[in-house]
Amino acid sequence: MDDDSRKEIRKQFAERVNMTPKELEDWLKTDASHSVGDDSGGESTGHQSGRRIVELKRKHVNELSEDDYAHMRKVINYVKRHLAQKPTGDVSETPWRYSLMNWGHDPLQ
């Protein structure tokens, strides 16, 4: 992957992930965070992703691996798809919002 591609991924990731590492960490500790997602008998995919996002946001650019960039692309695409499925009405306490927040995006911010 070339430097321009990495730069574009970092830009889109920063635009999509609008929660700080602290906000996301605190959110991931809540019951609401654990109440959404596919969990296959354990931690949900979104919850796992949220923990990884905290790590990514705390890394310096030169510490990011190809695997990190792949996960950043996954986050970008998930948030984009999920935002397109916005339900009508007040979304403040909905599984839709909670799922997005597990992926680092609070649609109310």
Protein backbone atom coordinates (compact mmCIF):
# COMPACT_ATOMS: atom_id res chain seq x y z
CA MET A 1 0.00 0.00 0.00
CA ASP A 2 1.40 3.37 -0.94
CA ASP A 3 1.64 6.46 1.29
CA ASP A 4 -1.26 8.24 -0.45
CA SER A 5 -3.57 5.28 0.24
CA ARG A 6 -2.50 5.16 3.89
CA LYS A 7 -3.07 8.90 4.23
CA GLU A 8 -6.58 8.62 2.72
CA ILE A 9 -7.48 5.74 5.05
CA ARG A 10 -6.28 7.71 8.09
CA LYS A 11 -8.32 10.72 6.93
CA GLN A 12 -11.52 8.72 6.44
CA PHE A 13 -10.98 6.85 9.71
CA ALA A 14 -10.63 10.15 11.58
CA GLU A 15 -13.83 11.44 9.95
CA ARG A 16 -15.85 8.31 10.79
CA VAL A 17 -14.52 7.62 14.29
CA ASN A 18 -15.73 10.68 16.17
CA MET A 19 -15.35 9.33 19.71
CA THR A 20 -12.15 9.84 21.67
CA PRO A 21 -10.32 6.79 23.03
CA LYS A 22 -11.55 7.68 26.53
CA GLU A 23 -15.17 8.13 25.40
CA LEU A 24 -15.04 4.81 23.58
CA GLU A 25 -13.41 2.99 26.49
CA ASP A 26 -16.04 4.30 28.88
CA TRP A 27 -18.83 3.39 26.44
CA LEU A 28 -17.53 -0.16 26.01
CA LYS A 29 -17.90 -0.72 29.77
CA THR A 30 -21.65 -0.05 29.69
CA ASP A 31 -24.47 -2.58 29.61
CA ALA A 32 -25.88 -0.81 26.55
CA SER A 33 -22.64 -1.46 24.67
CA HIS A 34 -22.84 -5.15 25.49
CA SER A 35 -26.53 -5.31 24.51
CA VAL A 36 -25.98 -5.10 20.73
CA GLY A 37 -24.23 -7.04 18.02
CA ASP A 38 -23.61 -10.60 17.02
CA ASP A 39 -21.83 -12.29 19.89
CA SER A 40 -21.62 -15.99 19.02
CA GLY A 41 -21.53 -16.81 22.72
CA GLY A 42 -18.88 -14.23 23.59
CA GLU A 43 -17.95 -10.65 22.86
CA SER A 44 -19.67 -9.09 19.84
CA THR A 45 -17.75 -8.21 16.70
CA GLY A 46 -18.48 -4.52 17.22
CA HIS A 47 -17.30 -4.62 20.83
CA GLN A 48 -14.04 -6.29 19.77
CA SER A 49 -13.66 -3.67 17.07
CA GLY A 50 -14.20 -0.89 19.61
CA ARG A 51 -11.32 -2.16 21.73
CA ARG A 52 -9.13 -2.33 18.63
CA ILE A 53 -10.15 1.21 17.62
CA VAL A 54 -8.99 2.53 21.01
CA GLU A 55 -5.59 0.93 20.37
CA LEU A 56 -5.42 2.32 16.83
CA LYS A 57 -6.26 5.85 17.93
CA ARG A 58 -3.44 5.73 20.47
CA LYS A 59 -0.80 4.62 17.99
CA HIS A 60 1.53 6.96 16.17
CA VAL A 61 1.26 6.91 12.39
CA ASN A 62 4.62 5.17 12.01
CA GLU A 63 3.43 2.35 14.31
CA LEU A 64 0.45 1.38 12.12
CA SER A 65 0.75 -2.01 10.41
CA GLU A 66 -0.92 -3.26 7.24
CA ASP A 67 -3.33 -5.18 9.50
CA ASP A 68 -4.14 -1.93 11.30
CA TYR A 69 -4.94 -0.25 7.98
CA ALA A 70 -7.14 -3.21 7.01
CA HIS A 71 -9.10 -2.82 10.25
CA MET A 72 -9.40 0.92 9.70
CA ARG A 73 -10.93 0.22 6.26
CA LYS A 74 -13.33 -2.25 7.88
CA VAL A 75 -14.44 0.43 10.37
CA ILE A 76 -14.86 3.05 7.63
CA ASN A 77 -17.04 0.71 5.58
CA TYR A 78 -19.12 -0.48 8.54
CA VAL A 79 -19.91 3.05 9.71
CA LYS A 80 -20.77 4.16 6.17
CA ARG A 81 -23.15 1.20 5.63
CA HIS A 82 -24.74 1.52 9.05
CA LEU A 83 -25.35 5.27 8.71
CA ALA A 84 -27.26 4.56 5.51
CA GLN A 85 -29.67 2.40 7.55
CA LYS A 86 -30.67 5.17 9.97
CA PRO A 87 -34.12 4.52 11.46
CA THR A 88 -36.75 7.24 11.65
CA GLY A 89 -37.47 9.10 14.84
CA ASP A 90 -35.37 9.65 17.93
CA VAL A 91 -32.28 7.43 17.74
CA SER A 92 -30.69 8.41 21.05
CA GLU A 93 -31.41 5.12 22.82
CA THR A 94 -31.55 2.65 19.94
CA PRO A 95 -29.60 -0.47 19.06
CA TRP A 96 -28.69 1.30 15.80
CA ARG A 97 -26.85 4.07 17.69
CA TYR A 98 -25.36 1.66 20.23
CA SER A 99 -23.93 -0.49 17.45
CA LEU A 100 -22.35 2.52 15.76
CA MET A 101 -20.89 3.63 19.06
CA ASN A 102 -19.23 0.23 19.51
CA TRP A 103 -17.48 1.02 16.22
CA GLY A 104 -16.38 4.46 17.49
CA HIS A 105 -19.03 6.64 15.85
CA ASP A 106 -21.67 8.48 17.89
CA PRO A 107 -24.24 9.78 15.39
CA LEU A 108 -25.42 12.36 17.94
CA GLN A 109 -22.05 14.12 18.02
